[in-house]
C-alpha atoms as a PDB file:
ATOM      1  CA  UNK A   1     193.163 211.439  65.376  1.00  0.00           C
ATOM      2  CA  UNK A   2     195.057 208.389  65.609  1.00  0.00           C
ATOM      3  CA  UNK A   3     198.704 208.410  65.505  1.00  0.00           C
ATOM      4  CA  UNK A   4     202.237 206.325  66.145  1.00  0.00           C
ATOM      5  CA  UNK A   5     204.745 207.980  67.748  1.00  0.00           C
ATOM      6  CA  UNK A   6     208.665 206.577  67.059  1.00  0.00           C
ATOM      7  CA  UNK A   7     211.272 207.864  69.164  1.00  0.00           C
ATOM      8  CA  UNK A   8     215.172 207.309  69.040  1.00  0.00           C
ATOM      9  CA  UNK A   9     216.881 209.219  71.837  1.00  0.00           C
ATOM     10  CA  UNK A  10     219.969 209.731  74.088  1.00  0.00           C
ATOM     11  CA  UNK A  11     219.495 206.885  77.378  1.00  0.00           C
ATOM     12  CA  UNK A  12     219.627 209.690  79.805  1.00  0.00           C
ATOM     13  CA  UNK A  13     216.333 210.943  78.660  1.00  0.00           C
ATOM     14  CA  UNK A  14     214.563 207.454  77.701  1.00  0.00           C
ATOM     15  CA  UNK A  15     212.380 206.929  80.592  1.00  0.00           C
ATOM     16  CA  UNK A  16     211.389 211.158  80.806  1.00  0.00           C
ATOM     17  CA  UNK A  17     210.571 211.088  77.039  1.00  0.00           C
ATOM     18  CA  UNK A  18     208.193 207.427  77.516  1.00  0.00           C
ATOM     19  CA  UNK A  19     206.954 208.899  80.708  1.00  0.00           C
ATOM     20  CA  UNK A  20     205.430 211.647  78.835  1.00  0.00           C
ATOM     21  CA  UNK A  21     204.422 210.298  75.638  1.00  0.00           C
ATOM     22  CA  UNK A  22     202.303 207.524  78.249  1.00  0.00           C
ATOM     23  CA  UNK A  23     200.513 210.104  79.240  1.00  0.00           C
ATOM     24  CA  UNK A  24     198.895 210.467  76.133  1.00  0.00           C
ATOM     25  CA  UNK A  25     199.444 206.973  74.791  1.00  0.00           C
ATOM     26  CA  UNK A  26     199.614 203.509  74.733  1.00  0.00           C
ATOM     27  CA  UNK A  27     203.475 201.662  74.739  1.00  0.00           C
ATOM     28  CA  UNK A  28     202.873 199.397  72.403  1.00  0.00           C
ATOM     29  CA  UNK A  29     206.636 198.465  71.871  1.00  0.00           C
ATOM     30  CA  UNK A  30     210.437 199.908  72.692  1.00  0.00           C
ATOM     31  CA  UNK A  31     209.959 203.138  71.754  1.00  0.00           C
ATOM     32  CA  UNK A  32     206.887 202.931  70.237  1.00  0.00           C
ATOM     33  CA  UNK A  33     203.698 204.434  71.018  1.00  0.00           C
ATOM     34  CA  UNK A  34     200.287 204.498  69.853  1.00  0.00           C
ATOM     35  CA  UNK A  35     196.268 206.312  70.209  1.00  0.00           C
ATOM     36  CA  UNK A  36     193.558 208.507  69.907  1.00  0.00           C
ATOM     37  CA  UNK A  37     194.560 211.993  70.800  1.00  0.00           C
ATOM     38  CA  UNK A  38     192.730 215.305  70.160  1.00  0.00           C
ATOM     39  CA  UNK A  39     194.574 218.008  68.540  1.00  0.00           C
ATOM     40  CA  UNK A  40     194.663 219.890  72.072  1.00  0.00           C
ATOM     41  CA  UNK A  41     196.783 217.142  73.404  1.00  0.00           C
ATOM     42  CA  UNK A  42     198.963 216.758  70.297  1.00  0.00           C
ATOM     43  CA  UNK A  43     200.020 220.341  70.840  1.00  0.00           C
ATOM     44  CA  UNK A  44     200.684 219.484  74.575  1.00  0.00           C
ATOM     45  CA  UNK A  45     202.189 216.425  73.563  1.00  0.00           C
ATOM     46  CA  UNK A  46     204.388 218.147  71.343  1.00  0.00           C
ATOM     47  CA  UNK A  47     204.952 221.092  73.327  1.00  0.00           C
ATOM     48  CA  UNK A  48     206.349 218.600  76.338  1.00  0.00           C
ATOM     49  CA  UNK A  49     208.923 216.393  74.021  1.00  0.00           C
ATOM     50  CA  UNK A  50     210.682 219.912  72.401  1.00  0.00           C
ATOM     51  CA  UNK A  51     211.471 220.251  76.372  1.00  0.00           C
ATOM     52  CA  UNK A  52     213.282 217.087  76.874  1.00  0.00           C
ATOM     53  CA  UNK A  53     214.904 216.015  73.843  1.00  0.00           C
ATOM     54  CA  UNK A  54     218.272 217.850  72.284  1.00  0.00           C
ATOM     55  CA  UNK A  55     217.212 218.520  68.736  1.00  0.00           C
ATOM     56  CA  UNK A  56     220.613 217.547  67.932  1.00  0.00           C
ATOM     57  CA  UNK A  57     220.421 213.968  69.207  1.00  0.00           C
ATOM     58  CA  UNK A  58     217.125 212.966  69.284  1.00  0.00           C
ATOM     59  CA  UNK A  59     214.674 212.518  67.338  1.00  0.00           C
ATOM     60  CA  UNK A  60     211.049 211.551  67.350  1.00  0.00           C
ATOM     61  CA  UNK A  61     208.417 210.939  64.464  1.00  0.00           C
ATOM     62  CA  UNK A  62     204.596 211.132  64.729  1.00  0.00           C
ATOM     63  CA  UNK A  63     202.845 209.466  62.546  1.00  0.00           C
ATOM     64  CA  UNK A  64     199.133 211.170  61.715  1.00  0.00           C
ATOM     65  CA  UNK A  65     196.562 208.425  60.562  1.00  0.00           C
ATOM     66  CA  UNK A  66     192.771 210.449  60.414  1.00  0.00           C
ATOM     67  CA  UNK A  67     191.334 207.206  60.161  1.00  0.00           C
ATOM     68  CA  UNK A  68     191.897 203.654  61.125  1.00  0.00           C
ATOM     69  CA  UNK A  69     189.262 202.231  59.313  1.00  0.00           C
ATOM     70  CA  UNK A  70     191.131 200.759  56.838  1.00  0.00           C
ATOM     71  CA  UNK A  71     194.576 199.758  58.617  1.00  0.00           C
ATOM     72  CA  UNK A  72     195.548 196.486  59.923  1.00  0.00           C
ATOM     73  CA  UNK A  73     198.445 195.305  62.540  1.00  0.00           C
ATOM     74  CA  UNK A  74     200.122 192.521  62.259  1.00  0.00           C
ATOM     75  CA  UNK A  75     202.358 191.297  65.310  1.00  0.00           C
ATOM     76  CA  UNK A  76     205.104 188.388  64.088  1.00  0.00           C
ATOM     77  CA  UNK A  77     207.448 187.270  67.498  1.00  0.00           C
ATOM     78  CA  UNK A  78     206.844 188.640  70.854  1.00  0.00           C
ATOM     79  CA  UNK A  79     204.188 190.938  71.798  1.00  0.00           C
ATOM     80  CA  UNK A  80     204.970 193.956  74.186  1.00  0.00           C
ATOM     81  CA  UNK A  81     203.389 196.255  75.780  1.00  0.00           C
ATOM     82  CA  UNK A  82     199.511 196.818  75.975  1.00  0.00           C
ATOM     83  CA  UNK A  83     197.259 195.859  74.275  1.00  0.00           C
ATOM     84  CA  UNK A  84     194.150 198.637  74.814  1.00  0.00           C
ATOM     85  CA  UNK A  85     194.468 200.404  71.751  1.00  0.00           C
ATOM     86  CA  UNK A  86     194.682 198.350  68.371  1.00  0.00           C
ATOM     87  CA  UNK A  87     195.020 199.839  64.689  1.00  0.00           C
END
């Protein structure tokens, strides 16, 4: 499956959250990652993030796209992150 993950976490946890997410996904922009991921790895990622974030203060949103067949991506302005995985 293909997912887009966005996060908004306290500055104290940003580097740990980003490092954890980059084990599974490709960084594309500040606080945004995307990529193909298996169900098992998505479960691992969720568990790892649950241990890192403060559920009273932080937010992580995972958009699950079952298929990217009809998806496109348009970038306006500065390209950030990698382009290894493009929708």
